[in-house]
Amino acid sequence: MRAMIVGCGRVGAGIAERLARAGHDVTVIDLQTEAFSRLEADFSGTAIRGDGTDEDVLRRAGAEGVDLFYALTEGDNRNILAAQLAAETLHIASVVAKINDPVRAEAYTALGIATICRTRMLVDALAVHAGLPAQPDSQGVSDATGHDHGTAHEGATMTATKA
């Protein structure tokens, strides 16, 4: 499997390493060269300094044809922009954007981008710790409920909503 990750923070570096150790072809993109110091010294993937919200950068990094695309920067706007480029322009079937704001996460999920909202996950974990039941929609990735980006290249019309 080929995976591309935009953002080499703790989450991006962590999933990049796990995927690479499992034998997958992994490319990580980040604006800051020093972010790659979070990767293990023997990281077998590719680290590219660049803007993951720039279509040309994504294309040069080999995004076309990847199986999995994660937008994992610290900014919701950057993540949704990168995810929309991946889904709507590069026609990557499996795209997930990390979104901190639960309201935005819900809106973007409805627009067709799968999201993971760490705010919801943290609230749920704290509630479970307090003895309350877990909420099923707070356990991980919320799959897209809106547009079918997988068929965009087959003639479907998409509206790109940039945050």
C-alpha atoms as a PDB file:
ATOM      1  CA  MET A   1       0.000   0.000   0.000  1.00  0.00           C
ATOM      2  CA  ARG A   2       1.164   3.546  -0.758  1.00  0.00           C
ATOM      3  CA  ALA A   3       0.415   6.205   1.844  1.00  0.00           C
ATOM      4  CA  MET A   4       0.959   9.952   1.925  1.00  0.00           C
ATOM      5  CA  ILE A   5       0.882  11.952   5.148  1.00  0.00           C
ATOM      6  CA  VAL A   6       0.776  15.740   5.284  1.00  0.00           C
ATOM      7  CA  GLY A   7       2.131  16.894   8.644  1.00  0.00           C
ATOM      8  CA  CYS A   8       5.014  15.341  10.540  1.00  0.00           C
ATOM      9  CA  GLY A   9       3.958  16.186  14.067  1.00  0.00           C
ATOM     10  CA  ARG A  10       3.627  13.495  16.715  1.00  0.00           C
ATOM     11  CA  VAL A  11       0.578  11.928  15.046  1.00  0.00           C
ATOM     12  CA  GLY A  12       1.935  12.141  11.497  1.00  0.00           C
ATOM     13  CA  ALA A  13       5.340  10.760  12.481  1.00  0.00           C
ATOM     14  CA  GLY A  14       3.752   8.018  14.576  1.00  0.00           C
ATOM     15  CA  ILE A  15       1.460   6.695  11.860  1.00  0.00           C
ATOM     16  CA  ALA A  16       4.206   7.088   9.224  1.00  0.00           C
ATOM     17  CA  GLU A  17       6.521   4.890  11.269  1.00  0.00           C
ATOM     18  CA  ARG A  18       3.841   2.256  11.907  1.00  0.00           C
ATOM     19  CA  LEU A  19       2.906   2.063   8.241  1.00  0.00           C
ATOM     20  CA  ALA A  20       6.576   1.922   7.141  1.00  0.00           C
ATOM     21  CA  ARG A  21       7.404  -0.805   9.700  1.00  0.00           C
ATOM     22  CA  ALA A  22       4.468  -2.801   8.316  1.00  0.00           C
ATOM     23  CA  GLY A  23       6.130  -2.678   4.893  1.00  0.00           C
ATOM     24  CA  HIS A  24       4.098   0.076   3.257  1.00  0.00           C
ATOM     25  CA  ASP A  25       5.491   2.771   0.974  1.00  0.00           C
ATOM     26  CA  VAL A  26       5.134   6.008   2.983  1.00  0.00           C
ATOM     27  CA  THR A  27       5.743   9.632   2.018  1.00  0.00           C
ATOM     28  CA  VAL A  28       5.570  12.393   4.637  1.00  0.00           C
ATOM     29  CA  ILE A  29       5.316  16.074   3.708  1.00  0.00           C
ATOM     30  CA  ASP A  30       5.864  18.962   6.121  1.00  0.00           C
ATOM     31  CA  LEU A  31       6.662  22.664   5.806  1.00  0.00           C
ATOM     32  CA  GLN A  32       9.434  22.473   8.403  1.00  0.00           C
ATOM     33  CA  THR A  33      12.541  20.351   7.860  1.00  0.00           C
ATOM     34  CA  GLU A  34      13.043  20.020  11.618  1.00  0.00           C
ATOM     35  CA  ALA A  35       9.682  18.215  11.884  1.00  0.00           C
ATOM     36  CA  PHE A  36      11.317  15.162  10.320  1.00  0.00           C
ATOM     37  CA  SER A  37      13.476  14.763  13.428  1.00  0.00           C
ATOM     38  CA  ARG A  38      10.379  13.137  14.964  1.00  0.00           C
ATOM     39  CA  LEU A  39      10.853  10.193  12.600  1.00  0.00           C
ATOM     40  CA  GLU A  40      13.033   7.304  13.721  1.00  0.00           C
ATOM     41  CA  ALA A  41      16.573   7.297  12.335  1.00  0.00           C
ATOM     42  CA  ASP A  42      15.837   4.134  10.346  1.00  0.00           C
ATOM     43  CA  PHE A  43      12.541   5.417   8.834  1.00  0.00           C
ATOM     44  CA  SER A  44      12.266   3.646   5.488  1.00  0.00           C
ATOM     45  CA  GLY A  45       9.851   6.123   3.919  1.00  0.00           C
ATOM     46  CA  THR A  46      10.388   9.419   2.148  1.00  0.00           C
ATOM     47  CA  ALA A  47      10.340  12.814   3.872  1.00  0.00           C
ATOM     48  CA  ILE A  48       9.682  15.868   1.694  1.00  0.00           C
ATOM     49  CA  ARG A  49       9.833  19.496   2.778  1.00  0.00           C
ATOM     50  CA  GLY A  50       6.916  21.240   1.109  1.00  0.00           C
ATOM     51  CA  ASP A  51       3.408  22.601   1.355  1.00  0.00           C
ATOM     52  CA  GLY A  52       0.877  19.773   1.471  1.00  0.00           C
ATOM     53  CA  THR A  53      -1.877  22.168   0.411  1.00  0.00           C
ATOM     54  CA  ASP A  54      -0.134  22.862  -2.904  1.00  0.00           C
ATOM     55  CA  GLU A  55      -1.357  20.641  -5.726  1.00  0.00           C
ATOM     56  CA  ASP A  56       1.989  20.791  -7.561  1.00  0.00           C
ATOM     57  CA  VAL A  57       3.871  19.723  -4.427  1.00  0.00           C
ATOM     58  CA  LEU A  58       1.495  16.800  -3.922  1.00  0.00           C
ATOM     59  CA  ARG A  59       1.809  15.705  -7.544  1.00  0.00           C
ATOM     60  CA  ARG A  60       5.644  15.931  -7.489  1.00  0.00           C
ATOM     61  CA  ALA A  61       5.633  13.920  -4.252  1.00  0.00           C
ATOM     62  CA  GLY A  62       3.706  11.152  -6.010  1.00  0.00           C
ATOM     63  CA  ALA A  63       0.240  11.664  -4.521  1.00  0.00           C
ATOM     64  CA  GLU A  64      -1.534  10.488  -7.642  1.00  0.00           C
ATOM     65  CA  GLY A  65      -2.255   6.831  -7.177  1.00  0.00           C
ATOM     66  CA  VAL A  66      -1.641   6.615  -3.427  1.00  0.00           C
ATOM     67  CA  ASP A  67      -3.992   4.314  -1.560  1.00  0.00           C
ATOM     68  CA  LEU A  68      -4.229   6.346   1.636  1.00  0.00           C
ATOM     69  CA  PHE A  69      -3.912  10.075   2.338  1.00  0.00           C
ATOM     70  CA  TYR A  70      -3.820  11.578   5.836  1.00  0.00           C
ATOM     71  CA  ALA A  71      -3.922  15.347   6.446  1.00  0.00           C
ATOM     72  CA  LEU A  72      -2.496  15.649   9.971  1.00  0.00           C
ATOM     73  CA  THR A  73      -1.143  19.162  10.448  1.00  0.00           C
ATOM     74  CA  GLU A  74      -2.088  21.277  13.472  1.00  0.00           C
ATOM     75  CA  GLY A  75      -4.436  23.460  11.407  1.00  0.00           C
ATOM     76  CA  ASP A  76      -7.994  22.506  10.517  1.00  0.00           C
ATOM     77  CA  ASN A  77      -7.976  24.770   7.448  1.00  0.00           C
ATOM     78  CA  ARG A  78      -4.728  23.278   6.116  1.00  0.00           C
ATOM     79  CA  ASN A  79      -5.980  19.752   6.735  1.00  0.00           C
ATOM     80  CA  ILE A  80      -9.291  20.224   4.970  1.00  0.00           C
ATOM     81  CA  LEU A  81      -7.623  21.962   2.020  1.00  0.00           C
ATOM     82  CA  ALA A  82      -5.079  19.146   1.637  1.00  0.00           C
ATOM     83  CA  ALA A  83      -7.823  16.527   2.024  1.00  0.00           C
ATOM     84  CA  GLN A  84     -10.051  18.185  -0.560  1.00  0.00           C
ATOM     85  CA  LEU A  85      -7.167  18.369  -3.029  1.00  0.00           C
ATOM     86  CA  ALA A  86      -6.434  14.702  -2.447  1.00  0.00           C
ATOM     87  CA  ALA A  87     -10.048  13.590  -2.819  1.00  0.00           C
ATOM     88  CA  GLU A  88     -11.433  15.946  -5.441  1.00  0.00           C
ATOM     89  CA  THR A  89      -8.440  16.786  -7.630  1.00  0.00           C
ATOM     90  CA  LEU A  90      -6.143  13.772  -7.239  1.00  0.00           C
ATOM     91  CA  HIS A  91      -9.012  11.263  -6.860  1.00  0.00           C
ATOM     92  CA  ILE A  92      -7.516   9.424  -3.897  1.00  0.00           C
ATOM     93  CA  ALA A  93     -10.196   7.088  -2.560  1.00  0.00           C
ATOM     94  CA  SER A  94      -9.163   6.924   1.100  1.00  0.00           C
ATOM     95  CA  VAL A  95      -8.603  10.396   2.588  1.00  0.00           C
ATOM     96  CA  VAL A  96      -8.810  11.423   6.257  1.00  0.00           C
ATOM     97  CA  ALA A  97      -8.434  14.922   7.725  1.00  0.00           C
ATOM     98  CA  LYS A  98      -7.604  15.568  11.381  1.00  0.00           C
ATOM     99  CA  ILE A  99      -9.979  18.275  12.560  1.00  0.00           C
ATOM    100  CA  ASN A 100      -9.850  19.788  16.053  1.00  0.00           C
ATOM    101  CA  ASP A 101     -13.166  21.654  15.978  1.00  0.00           C
ATOM    102  CA  PRO A 102     -16.095  19.197  16.358  1.00  0.00           C
ATOM    103  CA  VAL A 103     -18.489  21.497  14.467  1.00  0.00           C
ATOM    104  CA  ARG A 104     -16.108  21.696  11.520  1.00  0.00           C
ATOM    105  CA  ALA A 105     -15.478  17.958  11.654  1.00  0.00           C
ATOM    106  CA  GLU A 106     -19.193  17.276  11.332  1.00  0.00           C
ATOM    107  CA  ALA A 107     -19.569  19.778   8.481  1.00  0.00           C
ATOM    108  CA  TYR A 108     -16.608  18.393   6.534  1.00  0.00           C
ATOM    109  CA  THR A 109     -17.822  14.830   7.034  1.00  0.00           C
ATOM    110  CA  ALA A 110     -21.166  15.879   5.541  1.00  0.00           C
ATOM    111  CA  LEU A 111     -19.281  17.453   2.615  1.00  0.00           C
ATOM    112  CA  GLY A 112     -17.614  14.135   1.866  1.00  0.00           C
ATOM    113  CA  ILE A 113     -14.292  14.188   3.719  1.00  0.00           C
ATOM    114  CA  ALA A 114     -13.658  11.539   6.364  1.00  0.00           C
ATOM    115  CA  THR A 115     -12.469  13.191   9.568  1.00  0.00           C
ATOM    116  CA  ILE A 116     -10.950  12.320  12.898  1.00  0.00           C
ATOM    117  CA  CYS A 117     -11.678  14.778  15.692  1.00  0.00           C
ATOM    118  CA  ARG A 118      -9.344  14.480  18.651  1.00  0.00           C
ATOM    119  CA  THR A 119     -11.530  16.870  20.659  1.00  0.00           C
ATOM    120  CA  ARG A 120     -14.442  14.425  20.456  1.00  0.00           C
ATOM    121  CA  MET A 121     -12.142  11.514  21.213  1.00  0.00           C
ATOM    122  CA  LEU A 122     -10.685  13.230  24.285  1.00  0.00           C
ATOM    123  CA  VAL A 123     -14.103  14.265  25.624  1.00  0.00           C
ATOM    124  CA  ASP A 124     -15.327  10.706  25.162  1.00  0.00           C
ATOM    125  CA  ALA A 125     -12.265   9.209  26.870  1.00  0.00           C
ATOM    126  CA  LEU A 126     -12.717  11.539  29.846  1.00  0.00           C
ATOM    127  CA  ALA A 127     -16.432  10.717  30.035  1.00  0.00           C
ATOM    128  CA  VAL A 128     -15.696   6.980  29.984  1.00  0.00           C
ATOM    129  CA  HIS A 129     -13.104   7.514  32.715  1.00  0.00           C
ATOM    130  CA  ALA A 130     -15.858   9.204  34.753  1.00  0.00           C
ATOM    131  CA  GLY A 131     -18.075   6.145  34.292  1.00  0.00           C
ATOM    132  CA  LEU A 132     -20.284   7.445  31.457  1.00  0.00           C
ATOM    133  CA  PRO A 133     -20.948   5.323  28.355  1.00  0.00           C
ATOM    134  CA  ALA A 134     -18.795   5.819  25.269  1.00  0.00           C
ATOM    135  CA  GLN A 135     -20.326   7.662  22.338  1.00  0.00           C
ATOM    136  CA  PRO A 136     -20.062   5.546  19.179  1.00  0.00           C
ATOM    137  CA  ASP A 137     -19.274   8.522  16.937  1.00  0.00           C
ATOM    138  CA  SER A 138     -16.310   9.593  19.071  1.00  0.00           C
ATOM    139  CA  GLN A 139     -14.219   6.460  18.704  1.00  0.00           C
ATOM    140  CA  GLY A 140     -12.176   7.337  15.647  1.00  0.00           C
ATOM    141  CA  VAL A 141     -12.581   8.242  12.001  1.00  0.00           C
ATOM    142  CA  SER A 142     -16.005   9.543  10.981  1.00  0.00           C
ATOM    143  CA  ASP A 143     -16.553   8.284   7.477  1.00  0.00           C
ATOM    144  CA  ALA A 144     -17.736  10.751   4.875  1.00  0.00           C
ATOM    145  CA  THR A 145     -21.485  11.001   4.528  1.00  0.00           C
ATOM    146  CA  GLY A 146     -21.724  13.511   1.682  1.00  0.00           C
ATOM    147  CA  HIS A 147     -20.136  13.504  -1.764  1.00  0.00           C
ATOM    148  CA  ASP A 148     -18.639  10.332  -3.195  1.00  0.00           C
ATOM    149  CA  HIS A 149     -15.120  11.520  -4.023  1.00  0.00           C
ATOM    150  CA  GLY A 150     -14.230   8.070  -5.330  1.00  0.00           C
ATOM    151  CA  THR A 151     -16.314   8.707  -8.432  1.00  0.00           C
ATOM    152  CA  ALA A 152     -15.164  12.272  -9.080  1.00  0.00           C
ATOM    153  CA  HIS A 153     -12.979  11.162 -11.967  1.00  0.00           C
ATOM    154  CA  GLU A 154     -15.942   9.421 -13.595  1.00  0.00           C
ATOM    155  CA  GLY A 155     -17.827  12.620 -14.319  1.00  0.00           C
ATOM    156  CA  ALA A 156     -19.422  13.582 -11.014  1.00  0.00           C
ATOM    157  CA  THR A 157     -19.359  17.288 -10.245  1.00  0.00           C
ATOM    158  CA  MET A 158     -17.881  18.355  -6.912  1.00  0.00           C
ATOM    159  CA  THR A 159     -18.067  21.673  -5.160  1.00  0.00           C
ATOM    160  CA  ALA A 160     -14.817  22.494  -3.409  1.00  0.00           C
ATOM    161  CA  THR A 161     -15.471  24.399  -0.225  1.00  0.00           C
ATOM    162  CA  LYS A 162     -12.214  25.796   1.099  1.00  0.00           C
ATOM    163  CA  ALA A 163     -12.130  26.727   4.785  1.00  0.00           C
END
